[in-house]
Amino acid sequence: MHHIAIFASGTGSNARKIIDHFAHSPNVHVALVVSNKPDAGVLHIAREHGVPTHLINRKSFYETEELLAVLAEHQVDFIVLAGFLWLVPASLVRAFPRRIVNIHPALLPMYGGKGMYGMHVHEAVRAANETETGITIHFVNEQYDEGDIIFQMRCPVAQTDTPADIARKVQELEHRHFPDVLDKILGQPEYVATQ
C-alpha cells in the first residue's frame, strides 16, 4: 500500500480528483495534504474527505526537518505536487528520490521555471501565439520544472482563445489524466513502498 501526500497551494481541484480517484483503491491511500497557505481551498477539500492536513511556513520548510518527521508519521512514501508553488528543498528531493511528481500547465521545457505557474503560463502561451499547449507530468528535482518528463498531453489553442480559455482547456487535461498517470506510476514495481 502506497501512502501519498499531496502538496498544494490553491483551490485544490487536482487534489480533489486524486483523492476521489484513490478513495477505494486497495493499493494507494491519500495519507496527507500539505499546504503553505492557511486559507487554501485544498485544506477544505482534504477535511471534507477526512484526509489529515499539515500547514507549513517558509522557515520550517527550508530550514528544518520538521516536514520529514510529519511525512514519516503518516508513512508517506510518495509525494504529488498539485499546484504547489514553492521550490522543493534538496533535503526533501534526496529523501524521496524519483518519488516526487509535479504537474505543470504547459509543454515543458517551454513555459517552465521560476514564476511560471497558473495564469502566468497561459498568458505567455497566448502572447507567443502558440497553436497548442498542454500539460506535463514530471519527476521533481532541485530546479523548477527540470525533472524527467513522465507524460505530456496536448490541446489546440485557437486564435480567439483568451488566457482564461486556455486555462480551462489545460485544467480539463489535468483532471482527466493526472490521477490515471499517478495510478500507472504507483503500479510499477520500482515504486513499491519500502515501509
Protein backbone atom coordinates (compact mmCIF):
# COMPACT_ATOMS: atom_id res chain seq x y z
CA MET A 1 0.00 0.00 0.00
CA HIS A 2 1.33 3.41 -1.02
CA HIS A 3 0.73 6.33 1.31
CA ILE A 4 0.85 9.53 -0.71
CA ALA A 5 0.98 13.18 0.32
CA ILE A 6 -0.48 15.88 -1.90
CA PHE A 7 1.20 19.30 -1.71
CA ALA A 8 -0.97 22.17 -2.97
CA SER A 9 -1.14 25.96 -2.61
CA GLY A 10 -4.51 26.78 -4.14
CA THR A 11 -8.09 25.69 -4.69
CA GLY A 12 -7.23 22.00 -4.85
CA SER A 13 -9.19 20.94 -7.93
CA ASN A 14 -6.48 18.43 -8.92
CA ALA A 15 -6.19 17.24 -5.32
CA ARG A 16 -9.95 16.57 -5.28
CA LYS A 17 -9.68 14.46 -8.46
CA ILE A 18 -6.77 12.48 -6.99
CA ILE A 19 -8.48 11.93 -3.62
CA ASP A 20 -11.67 10.78 -5.38
CA HIS A 21 -9.71 8.54 -7.76
CA PHE A 22 -7.96 6.66 -4.94
CA ALA A 23 -10.85 6.72 -2.43
CA HIS A 24 -11.48 2.97 -2.74
CA SER A 25 -8.08 1.84 -4.00
CA PRO A 26 -6.56 -1.22 -2.32
CA ASN A 27 -3.08 0.00 -3.33
CA VAL A 28 -2.98 3.77 -2.77
CA HIS A 29 -4.06 5.81 0.25
CA VAL A 30 -4.01 9.62 0.30
CA ALA A 31 -2.47 9.98 3.75
CA LEU A 32 -1.84 13.73 3.99
CA VAL A 33 -2.44 17.08 2.33
CA VAL A 34 0.28 19.71 2.84
CA SER A 35 -0.20 23.39 2.08
CA ASN A 36 1.73 26.61 2.54
CA LYS A 37 -1.42 28.77 2.66
CA PRO A 38 -3.76 28.67 5.66
CA ASP A 39 -6.74 29.76 3.52
CA ALA A 40 -6.07 27.37 0.60
CA GLY A 41 -9.18 25.67 -0.75
CA VAL A 42 -7.32 22.36 -0.82
CA LEU A 43 -7.40 22.24 3.00
CA HIS A 44 -11.23 22.34 2.96
CA ILE A 45 -11.30 19.56 0.36
CA ALA A 46 -9.00 17.42 2.50
CA ARG A 47 -11.18 17.94 5.58
CA GLU A 48 -14.34 17.07 3.60
CA HIS A 49 -12.69 13.76 2.68
CA GLY A 50 -11.25 13.04 6.12
CA VAL A 51 -7.65 13.47 4.94
CA PRO A 52 -5.25 14.88 7.57
CA THR A 53 -3.66 18.24 6.74
CA HIS A 54 -0.40 19.93 7.62
CA LEU A 55 0.37 23.62 7.20
CA ILE A 56 3.96 24.66 6.51
CA ASN A 57 5.74 28.00 6.64
CA ARG A 58 8.79 29.01 4.66
CA LYS A 59 11.19 28.79 7.60
CA SER A 60 10.19 25.28 8.68
CA PHE A 61 10.06 24.05 5.06
CA TYR A 62 13.54 25.25 4.11
CA GLU A 63 15.44 25.33 7.40
CA THR A 64 14.22 22.33 9.42
CA GLU A 65 13.40 18.64 9.00
CA GLU A 66 10.02 19.06 10.66
CA LEU A 67 8.15 18.12 7.47
CA LEU A 68 10.19 14.93 7.02
CA ALA A 69 9.10 13.88 10.50
CA VAL A 70 5.44 14.60 9.69
CA LEU A 71 5.67 12.63 6.44
CA ALA A 72 7.24 9.70 8.31
CA GLU A 73 4.50 9.84 10.94
CA HIS A 74 1.92 9.41 8.15
CA GLN A 75 4.05 6.69 6.46
CA VAL A 76 4.23 8.77 3.27
CA ASP A 77 6.32 7.12 0.54
CA PHE A 78 5.32 9.26 -2.46
CA ILE A 79 4.63 12.99 -2.90
CA VAL A 80 2.37 14.61 -5.50
CA LEU A 81 2.67 18.33 -6.22
CA ALA A 82 -0.71 19.59 -7.44
CA GLY A 83 -0.42 23.34 -7.81
CA PHE A 84 2.28 23.73 -5.16
CA LEU A 85 4.24 26.93 -5.80
CA TRP A 86 7.40 26.60 -3.70
CA LEU A 87 10.62 25.04 -4.92
CA VAL A 88 11.10 21.69 -3.17
CA PRO A 89 14.23 21.79 -0.98
CA ALA A 90 17.16 19.49 -1.76
CA SER A 91 16.71 17.61 1.53
CA LEU A 92 13.19 16.54 0.51
CA VAL A 93 14.28 15.59 -3.03
CA ARG A 94 17.05 13.42 -1.52
CA ALA A 95 14.62 11.79 0.93
CA PHE A 96 12.18 10.94 -1.88
CA PRO A 97 14.33 10.21 -4.97
CA ARG A 98 12.11 9.88 -8.06
CA ARG A 99 9.17 9.70 -5.68
CA ILE A 100 8.02 13.32 -6.06
CA VAL A 101 5.88 14.13 -9.10
CA ASN A 102 4.61 17.51 -10.32
CA ILE A 103 2.09 18.61 -12.92
CA HIS A 104 2.88 21.71 -14.99
CA PRO A 105 0.28 23.54 -17.14
CA ALA A 106 2.37 23.70 -20.33
CA LEU A 107 4.52 21.54 -22.58
CA LEU A 108 7.89 21.61 -20.83
CA PRO A 109 10.61 22.63 -21.41
CA MET A 110 8.61 25.58 -22.80
CA TYR A 111 6.99 27.95 -20.30
CA GLY A 112 8.64 26.47 -17.23
CA GLY A 113 10.86 27.82 -14.48
CA LYS A 114 10.55 30.26 -11.60
CA GLY A 115 7.44 32.40 -11.77
CA MET A 116 5.83 30.28 -14.48
CA TYR A 117 2.67 28.98 -12.88
CA GLY A 118 -1.08 29.28 -13.33
CA MET A 119 -2.31 32.18 -15.41
CA HIS A 120 1.26 33.45 -15.97
CA VAL A 121 1.83 30.39 -18.15
CA HIS A 122 -1.38 30.76 -20.14
CA GLU A 123 -0.75 34.47 -20.71
CA ALA A 124 2.73 33.64 -22.05
CA VAL A 125 1.31 30.97 -24.36
CA ARG A 126 -1.28 33.47 -25.68
CA ALA A 127 1.32 36.23 -26.12
CA ALA A 128 3.54 33.90 -28.16
CA ASN A 129 0.61 32.95 -30.44
CA GLU A 130 1.17 29.25 -29.83
CA THR A 131 -1.18 26.93 -31.71
CA GLU A 132 -1.06 24.28 -29.00
CA THR A 133 -0.29 23.85 -25.33
CA GLY A 134 -0.91 21.12 -22.80
CA ILE A 135 0.26 19.50 -19.59
CA THR A 136 3.49 17.89 -18.43
CA ILE A 137 3.76 15.43 -15.56
CA HIS A 138 7.36 15.08 -14.42
CA PHE A 139 9.62 13.93 -11.62
CA VAL A 140 10.83 16.70 -9.32
CA ASN A 141 14.50 17.56 -8.90
CA GLU A 142 16.19 20.55 -7.28
CA GLN A 143 15.29 23.00 -10.07
CA TYR A 144 11.88 24.31 -11.12
CA ASP A 145 10.31 22.15 -13.86
CA GLU A 146 13.51 20.39 -14.92
CA GLY A 147 12.94 16.80 -13.71
CA ASP A 148 12.50 13.89 -16.13
CA ILE A 149 9.25 14.04 -18.10
CA ILE A 150 6.82 11.18 -17.48
CA PHE A 151 3.81 12.21 -19.57
CA GLN A 152 2.60 15.01 -21.83
CA MET A 153 -0.77 15.67 -23.44
CA ARG A 154 -1.53 18.44 -25.92
CA CYS A 155 -4.55 20.57 -26.75
CA PRO A 156 -5.08 23.12 -29.52
CA VAL A 157 -5.01 26.87 -28.90
CA ALA A 158 -7.37 28.82 -31.16
CA GLN A 159 -6.55 32.35 -32.31
CA THR A 160 -9.62 33.56 -30.42
CA ASP A 161 -8.71 31.82 -27.13
CA THR A 162 -8.08 34.10 -24.17
CA PRO A 163 -5.69 33.05 -21.37
CA ALA A 164 -8.81 32.03 -19.39
CA ASP A 165 -9.96 29.82 -22.30
CA ILE A 166 -6.51 28.22 -22.42
CA ALA A 167 -6.60 27.68 -18.66
CA ARG A 168 -9.91 25.82 -18.93
CA LYS A 169 -8.60 23.53 -21.69
CA VAL A 170 -5.43 22.78 -19.73
CA GLN A 171 -7.29 22.14 -16.48
CA GLU A 172 -9.55 19.68 -18.29
CA LEU A 173 -6.43 17.76 -19.38
CA GLU A 174 -5.06 17.85 -15.83
CA HIS A 175 -8.24 16.46 -14.31
CA ARG A 176 -8.59 13.78 -16.99
CA HIS A 177 -5.00 12.49 -16.95
CA PHE A 178 -3.24 13.23 -13.64
CA PRO A 179 -4.96 10.56 -11.47
CA ASP A 180 -4.55 7.89 -14.18
CA VAL A 181 -0.85 8.66 -14.69
CA LEU A 182 -0.28 8.52 -10.93
CA ASP A 183 -2.05 5.17 -10.86
CA LYS A 184 0.33 3.84 -13.53
CA ILE A 185 3.45 5.20 -11.79
CA LEU A 186 2.41 3.77 -8.42
CA GLY A 187 1.66 0.41 -10.01
CA GLN A 188 5.23 -0.07 -11.23
CA PRO A 189 7.46 -2.40 -9.17
CA GLU A 190 10.23 0.15 -8.66
CA TYR A 191 7.81 2.30 -6.65
CA VAL A 192 6.75 -0.44 -4.24
CA ALA A 193 6.57 1.03 -0.76
CA THR A 194 9.55 0.19 1.44
CA GLN A 195 7.73 0.98 4.67
